[in-house]
N, C-alpha and C. Protein backbone atom coordinates (compact mmCIF):
# COMPACT_ATOMS: atom_id res chain seq x y z
N MET A 1 -48.29 -45.24 -51.97
CA MET A 1 -47.42 -44.99 -53.11
C MET A 1 -48.23 -44.38 -54.24
N LEU A 2 -47.66 -43.43 -54.93
CA LEU A 2 -48.27 -42.82 -56.10
C LEU A 2 -48.07 -43.75 -57.29
N ILE A 3 -49.15 -44.09 -57.96
CA ILE A 3 -49.07 -44.95 -59.14
C ILE A 3 -48.98 -44.05 -60.36
N SER A 4 -47.84 -44.06 -61.03
CA SER A 4 -47.61 -43.14 -62.14
C SER A 4 -48.22 -43.61 -63.45
N THR A 5 -48.42 -44.93 -63.59
CA THR A 5 -49.02 -45.47 -64.81
C THR A 5 -49.72 -46.78 -64.49
N GLU A 6 -50.81 -47.05 -65.17
CA GLU A 6 -51.53 -48.30 -64.92
C GLU A 6 -50.80 -49.50 -65.50
N THR A 7 -49.83 -49.29 -66.39
CA THR A 7 -49.13 -50.40 -67.03
C THR A 7 -48.51 -51.35 -66.01
N GLY A 8 -47.96 -50.86 -64.94
CA GLY A 8 -47.32 -51.72 -63.97
C GLY A 8 -48.00 -51.74 -62.62
N ALA A 9 -49.20 -51.18 -62.54
CA ALA A 9 -49.88 -51.06 -61.26
C ALA A 9 -50.19 -52.42 -60.66
N ALA A 10 -50.05 -52.48 -59.33
CA ALA A 10 -50.34 -53.72 -58.60
C ALA A 10 -50.75 -53.34 -57.18
N GLN A 11 -51.40 -54.28 -56.50
CA GLN A 11 -51.79 -54.04 -55.12
C GLN A 11 -51.96 -55.36 -54.38
N VAL A 12 -51.88 -55.27 -53.06
CA VAL A 12 -52.16 -56.41 -52.19
C VAL A 12 -53.31 -56.01 -51.29
N VAL A 13 -54.33 -56.87 -51.27
CA VAL A 13 -55.50 -56.63 -50.43
C VAL A 13 -55.55 -57.74 -49.39
N SER A 14 -55.73 -57.35 -48.13
CA SER A 14 -55.79 -58.31 -47.04
C SER A 14 -56.71 -57.78 -45.96
N ILE A 15 -57.43 -58.67 -45.32
CA ILE A 15 -58.32 -58.28 -44.22
C ILE A 15 -57.49 -57.76 -43.06
N GLY A 16 -57.90 -56.64 -42.52
CA GLY A 16 -57.27 -56.11 -41.33
C GLY A 16 -56.07 -55.21 -41.55
N ILE A 17 -55.61 -55.05 -42.79
CA ILE A 17 -54.51 -54.12 -43.06
C ILE A 17 -54.87 -53.26 -44.25
N ASP A 18 -54.23 -52.12 -44.35
CA ASP A 18 -54.49 -51.23 -45.48
C ASP A 18 -54.01 -51.87 -46.77
N THR A 19 -54.71 -51.56 -47.86
CA THR A 19 -54.28 -52.03 -49.17
C THR A 19 -52.92 -51.42 -49.46
N ARG A 20 -52.03 -52.23 -49.98
CA ARG A 20 -50.69 -51.76 -50.33
C ARG A 20 -50.58 -51.69 -51.84
N PHE A 21 -50.19 -50.54 -52.37
CA PHE A 21 -50.09 -50.33 -53.81
C PHE A 21 -48.64 -50.36 -54.26
N TYR A 22 -48.45 -50.79 -55.49
CA TYR A 22 -47.13 -50.88 -56.10
C TYR A 22 -47.16 -50.22 -57.46
N ASP A 23 -46.06 -49.59 -57.83
CA ASP A 23 -45.93 -48.93 -59.12
C ASP A 23 -45.32 -49.85 -60.17
N ASP A 24 -44.92 -51.05 -59.75
CA ASP A 24 -44.25 -51.98 -60.65
C ASP A 24 -44.62 -53.41 -60.21
N VAL A 25 -45.09 -54.22 -61.14
CA VAL A 25 -45.48 -55.60 -60.85
C VAL A 25 -44.31 -56.37 -60.22
N GLY A 26 -43.11 -56.09 -60.65
CA GLY A 26 -41.94 -56.77 -60.10
C GLY A 26 -41.76 -56.49 -58.62
N CYS A 27 -42.12 -55.30 -58.18
CA CYS A 27 -42.02 -54.97 -56.74
C CYS A 27 -43.03 -55.78 -55.94
N LEU A 28 -44.24 -55.93 -56.47
CA LEU A 28 -45.23 -56.78 -55.81
C LEU A 28 -44.72 -58.21 -55.71
N ALA A 29 -44.19 -58.73 -56.82
CA ALA A 29 -43.69 -60.11 -56.83
C ALA A 29 -42.56 -60.29 -55.82
N ALA A 30 -41.67 -59.31 -55.72
CA ALA A 30 -40.56 -59.40 -54.78
C ALA A 30 -41.01 -59.28 -53.33
N ASP A 31 -42.09 -58.57 -53.09
CA ASP A 31 -42.59 -58.32 -51.74
C ASP A 31 -43.62 -59.35 -51.28
N TRP A 32 -44.05 -60.23 -52.17
CA TRP A 32 -45.15 -61.14 -51.89
C TRP A 32 -44.89 -62.03 -50.67
N ALA A 33 -43.70 -62.51 -50.49
CA ALA A 33 -43.39 -63.41 -49.37
C ALA A 33 -43.63 -62.76 -48.01
N ARG A 34 -43.64 -61.45 -47.95
CA ARG A 34 -43.84 -60.74 -46.68
C ARG A 34 -45.31 -60.46 -46.38
N GLN A 35 -46.20 -60.88 -47.26
CA GLN A 35 -47.62 -60.59 -47.07
C GLN A 35 -48.26 -61.62 -46.14
N PRO A 36 -49.29 -61.21 -45.41
CA PRO A 36 -49.94 -62.14 -44.48
C PRO A 36 -50.72 -63.24 -45.21
N ALA A 37 -50.91 -64.35 -44.54
CA ALA A 37 -51.73 -65.43 -45.10
C ALA A 37 -53.11 -64.88 -45.44
N GLY A 38 -53.65 -65.28 -46.54
CA GLY A 38 -54.97 -64.83 -46.95
C GLY A 38 -54.96 -63.56 -47.78
N ALA A 39 -53.80 -62.96 -47.97
CA ALA A 39 -53.70 -61.75 -48.81
C ALA A 39 -53.91 -62.14 -50.27
N THR A 40 -54.38 -61.18 -51.06
CA THR A 40 -54.60 -61.41 -52.48
C THR A 40 -53.81 -60.38 -53.28
N PRO A 41 -52.95 -60.84 -54.22
CA PRO A 41 -52.21 -59.91 -55.07
C PRO A 41 -53.04 -59.58 -56.32
N PHE A 42 -53.11 -58.32 -56.66
CA PHE A 42 -53.83 -57.90 -57.86
C PHE A 42 -52.90 -57.14 -58.79
N VAL A 43 -53.10 -57.33 -60.08
CA VAL A 43 -52.40 -56.57 -61.11
C VAL A 43 -53.45 -55.95 -62.02
N ARG A 44 -53.02 -55.00 -62.84
CA ARG A 44 -53.99 -54.27 -63.64
C ARG A 44 -53.64 -54.29 -65.13
N PRO A 45 -54.00 -55.37 -65.81
CA PRO A 45 -53.88 -55.34 -67.28
C PRO A 45 -55.00 -54.45 -67.82
N ASP A 46 -55.11 -54.32 -69.11
CA ASP A 46 -56.11 -53.43 -69.71
C ASP A 46 -57.54 -53.72 -69.27
N SER A 47 -57.80 -54.95 -68.85
CA SER A 47 -59.17 -55.36 -68.51
C SER A 47 -59.59 -54.96 -67.10
N GLY A 48 -58.74 -54.33 -66.31
CA GLY A 48 -59.06 -53.97 -64.93
C GLY A 48 -58.33 -54.89 -63.97
N TRP A 49 -58.57 -54.72 -62.69
CA TRP A 49 -57.86 -55.49 -61.67
C TRP A 49 -58.20 -56.98 -61.74
N ILE A 50 -57.16 -57.82 -61.72
CA ILE A 50 -57.34 -59.28 -61.65
C ILE A 50 -56.34 -59.86 -60.66
N ASP A 51 -56.64 -61.03 -60.16
CA ASP A 51 -55.74 -61.73 -59.24
C ASP A 51 -54.44 -62.04 -59.99
N ALA A 52 -53.33 -61.62 -59.42
CA ALA A 52 -52.02 -61.84 -60.07
C ALA A 52 -51.71 -63.32 -60.27
N ARG A 53 -52.28 -64.17 -59.42
CA ARG A 53 -52.00 -65.61 -59.53
C ARG A 53 -52.67 -66.23 -60.74
N THR A 54 -53.61 -65.53 -61.36
CA THR A 54 -54.26 -66.03 -62.58
C THR A 54 -53.81 -65.26 -63.82
N ALA A 55 -52.98 -64.25 -63.63
CA ALA A 55 -52.51 -63.41 -64.74
C ALA A 55 -51.33 -64.06 -65.44
N PHE A 56 -51.01 -63.51 -66.58
CA PHE A 56 -49.82 -63.90 -67.34
C PHE A 56 -48.94 -62.66 -67.44
N PHE A 57 -47.63 -62.87 -67.47
CA PHE A 57 -46.70 -61.76 -67.48
C PHE A 57 -45.76 -61.88 -68.66
N ALA A 58 -45.29 -60.73 -69.12
CA ALA A 58 -44.33 -60.68 -70.21
C ALA A 58 -43.21 -59.74 -69.81
N ARG A 59 -42.03 -60.02 -70.34
CA ARG A 59 -40.90 -59.10 -70.20
C ARG A 59 -40.63 -58.56 -71.60
N SER A 60 -41.12 -57.38 -71.82
CA SER A 60 -41.04 -56.77 -73.14
C SER A 60 -39.92 -55.75 -73.19
N SER A 61 -39.15 -55.78 -74.26
CA SER A 61 -38.12 -54.76 -74.41
C SER A 61 -38.73 -53.44 -74.85
N ALA A 62 -39.98 -53.47 -75.31
CA ALA A 62 -40.65 -52.25 -75.78
C ALA A 62 -41.35 -51.48 -74.66
N THR A 63 -41.58 -52.12 -73.53
CA THR A 63 -42.31 -51.48 -72.42
C THR A 63 -41.37 -51.24 -71.26
N ARG A 64 -41.38 -50.01 -70.77
CA ARG A 64 -40.58 -49.67 -69.59
C ARG A 64 -41.52 -49.61 -68.40
N THR A 65 -41.10 -50.23 -67.31
CA THR A 65 -41.91 -50.18 -66.09
C THR A 65 -41.31 -49.16 -65.13
N ALA A 66 -42.12 -48.69 -64.20
CA ALA A 66 -41.73 -47.59 -63.32
C ALA A 66 -40.42 -47.84 -62.58
N LEU A 67 -40.23 -49.05 -62.08
CA LEU A 67 -39.03 -49.33 -61.29
C LEU A 67 -38.09 -50.32 -61.96
N GLY A 68 -38.32 -50.58 -63.25
CA GLY A 68 -37.37 -51.31 -64.05
C GLY A 68 -37.45 -52.83 -64.09
N SER A 69 -38.50 -53.44 -63.53
CA SER A 69 -38.58 -54.90 -63.57
C SER A 69 -38.83 -55.41 -64.99
N GLY A 70 -39.53 -54.61 -65.79
CA GLY A 70 -39.88 -55.03 -67.14
C GLY A 70 -41.06 -55.97 -67.20
N LEU A 71 -41.62 -56.36 -66.06
CA LEU A 71 -42.77 -57.27 -66.04
C LEU A 71 -44.07 -56.51 -66.27
N VAL A 72 -44.84 -56.97 -67.23
CA VAL A 72 -46.14 -56.38 -67.54
C VAL A 72 -47.18 -57.49 -67.47
N ALA A 73 -48.31 -57.18 -66.85
CA ALA A 73 -49.38 -58.18 -66.65
C ALA A 73 -50.37 -58.19 -67.81
N TYR A 74 -50.86 -59.39 -68.09
CA TYR A 74 -51.89 -59.59 -69.12
C TYR A 74 -52.93 -60.57 -68.59
N ALA A 75 -54.16 -60.38 -68.97
CA ALA A 75 -55.22 -61.31 -68.60
C ALA A 75 -55.21 -62.52 -69.53
N ASP A 76 -54.69 -62.35 -70.73
CA ASP A 76 -54.72 -63.39 -71.76
C ASP A 76 -53.31 -63.91 -72.05
N GLU A 77 -53.17 -65.22 -72.03
CA GLU A 77 -51.86 -65.84 -72.25
C GLU A 77 -51.29 -65.49 -73.62
N ALA A 78 -52.12 -65.50 -74.65
CA ALA A 78 -51.64 -65.20 -76.00
C ALA A 78 -51.10 -63.77 -76.09
N ASP A 79 -51.76 -62.84 -75.42
CA ASP A 79 -51.28 -61.45 -75.41
C ASP A 79 -49.91 -61.35 -74.75
N ALA A 80 -49.73 -62.08 -73.66
CA ALA A 80 -48.44 -62.07 -72.97
C ALA A 80 -47.36 -62.66 -73.87
N ARG A 81 -47.66 -63.74 -74.56
CA ARG A 81 -46.68 -64.36 -75.46
C ARG A 81 -46.26 -63.39 -76.57
N ARG A 82 -47.23 -62.68 -77.12
CA ARG A 82 -46.93 -61.73 -78.20
C ARG A 82 -46.06 -60.58 -77.70
N ALA A 83 -46.25 -60.17 -76.47
CA ALA A 83 -45.52 -59.03 -75.92
C ALA A 83 -44.14 -59.41 -75.39
N ASP A 84 -43.95 -60.67 -75.00
CA ASP A 84 -42.70 -61.09 -74.37
C ASP A 84 -41.56 -61.13 -75.38
N ARG A 85 -40.40 -60.67 -74.96
CA ARG A 85 -39.25 -60.62 -75.88
C ARG A 85 -38.77 -62.00 -76.29
N GLU A 86 -39.14 -63.06 -75.54
CA GLU A 86 -38.77 -64.43 -75.89
C GLU A 86 -39.98 -65.26 -76.32
N GLY A 87 -41.14 -64.60 -76.46
CA GLY A 87 -42.35 -65.30 -76.88
C GLY A 87 -42.96 -66.19 -75.83
N ARG A 88 -42.67 -65.91 -74.56
CA ARG A 88 -43.19 -66.74 -73.46
C ARG A 88 -44.27 -65.99 -72.69
N ALA A 89 -45.15 -66.74 -72.08
CA ALA A 89 -46.11 -66.20 -71.11
C ALA A 89 -45.63 -66.69 -69.74
N ILE A 90 -45.35 -65.77 -68.86
CA ILE A 90 -44.80 -66.08 -67.55
C ILE A 90 -45.92 -66.12 -66.52
N GLY A 91 -45.96 -67.15 -65.70
CA GLY A 91 -46.95 -67.25 -64.63
C GLY A 91 -46.47 -66.54 -63.37
N TRP A 92 -47.35 -66.46 -62.37
CA TRP A 92 -47.05 -65.76 -61.11
C TRP A 92 -45.81 -66.33 -60.42
N ASP A 93 -45.71 -67.65 -60.30
CA ASP A 93 -44.56 -68.24 -59.62
C ASP A 93 -43.25 -67.91 -60.34
N GLU A 94 -43.27 -67.95 -61.66
CA GLU A 94 -42.06 -67.61 -62.41
C GLU A 94 -41.74 -66.12 -62.29
N ALA A 95 -42.76 -65.29 -62.28
CA ALA A 95 -42.54 -63.84 -62.09
C ALA A 95 -41.86 -63.60 -60.74
N ARG A 96 -42.31 -64.29 -59.72
CA ARG A 96 -41.69 -64.17 -58.40
C ARG A 96 -40.24 -64.65 -58.44
N ALA A 97 -40.00 -65.75 -59.11
CA ALA A 97 -38.64 -66.28 -59.21
C ALA A 97 -37.72 -65.29 -59.94
N LEU A 98 -38.23 -64.61 -60.94
CA LEU A 98 -37.43 -63.62 -61.67
C LEU A 98 -37.01 -62.46 -60.78
N THR A 99 -37.74 -62.21 -59.73
CA THR A 99 -37.40 -61.13 -58.81
C THR A 99 -36.57 -61.62 -57.63
N GLY A 100 -36.17 -62.89 -57.68
CA GLY A 100 -35.34 -63.45 -56.63
C GLY A 100 -36.14 -64.12 -55.51
N GLN A 101 -37.44 -64.26 -55.70
CA GLN A 101 -38.29 -64.90 -54.69
C GLN A 101 -38.62 -66.31 -55.13
N ALA A 102 -38.47 -67.25 -54.24
CA ALA A 102 -38.84 -68.64 -54.54
C ALA A 102 -40.36 -68.75 -54.63
N PRO A 103 -40.88 -69.52 -55.57
CA PRO A 103 -42.34 -69.68 -55.67
C PRO A 103 -42.94 -70.37 -54.47
């Protein structure tokens, strides 16, 4: 997949399969249940690639994501709270739930 902007970039890395890239964090969250055991989800906040399970997410009305999920990753919880339209920092399990996936 062509990544049009780093704002929503995500990827899944797993031994034995090609890295899978996503243009929207929400697509990674929705697709996570289909990944093999031992896979690692990565997102790309300003600080570079980090494990999505340790990241914080915000749904900002000011930021548009490539495929419309509105989820943006942050390395810092306070940054996510400031960016979120409801002042919340969303964790990985909640991000998955927002895309219709059970944590």
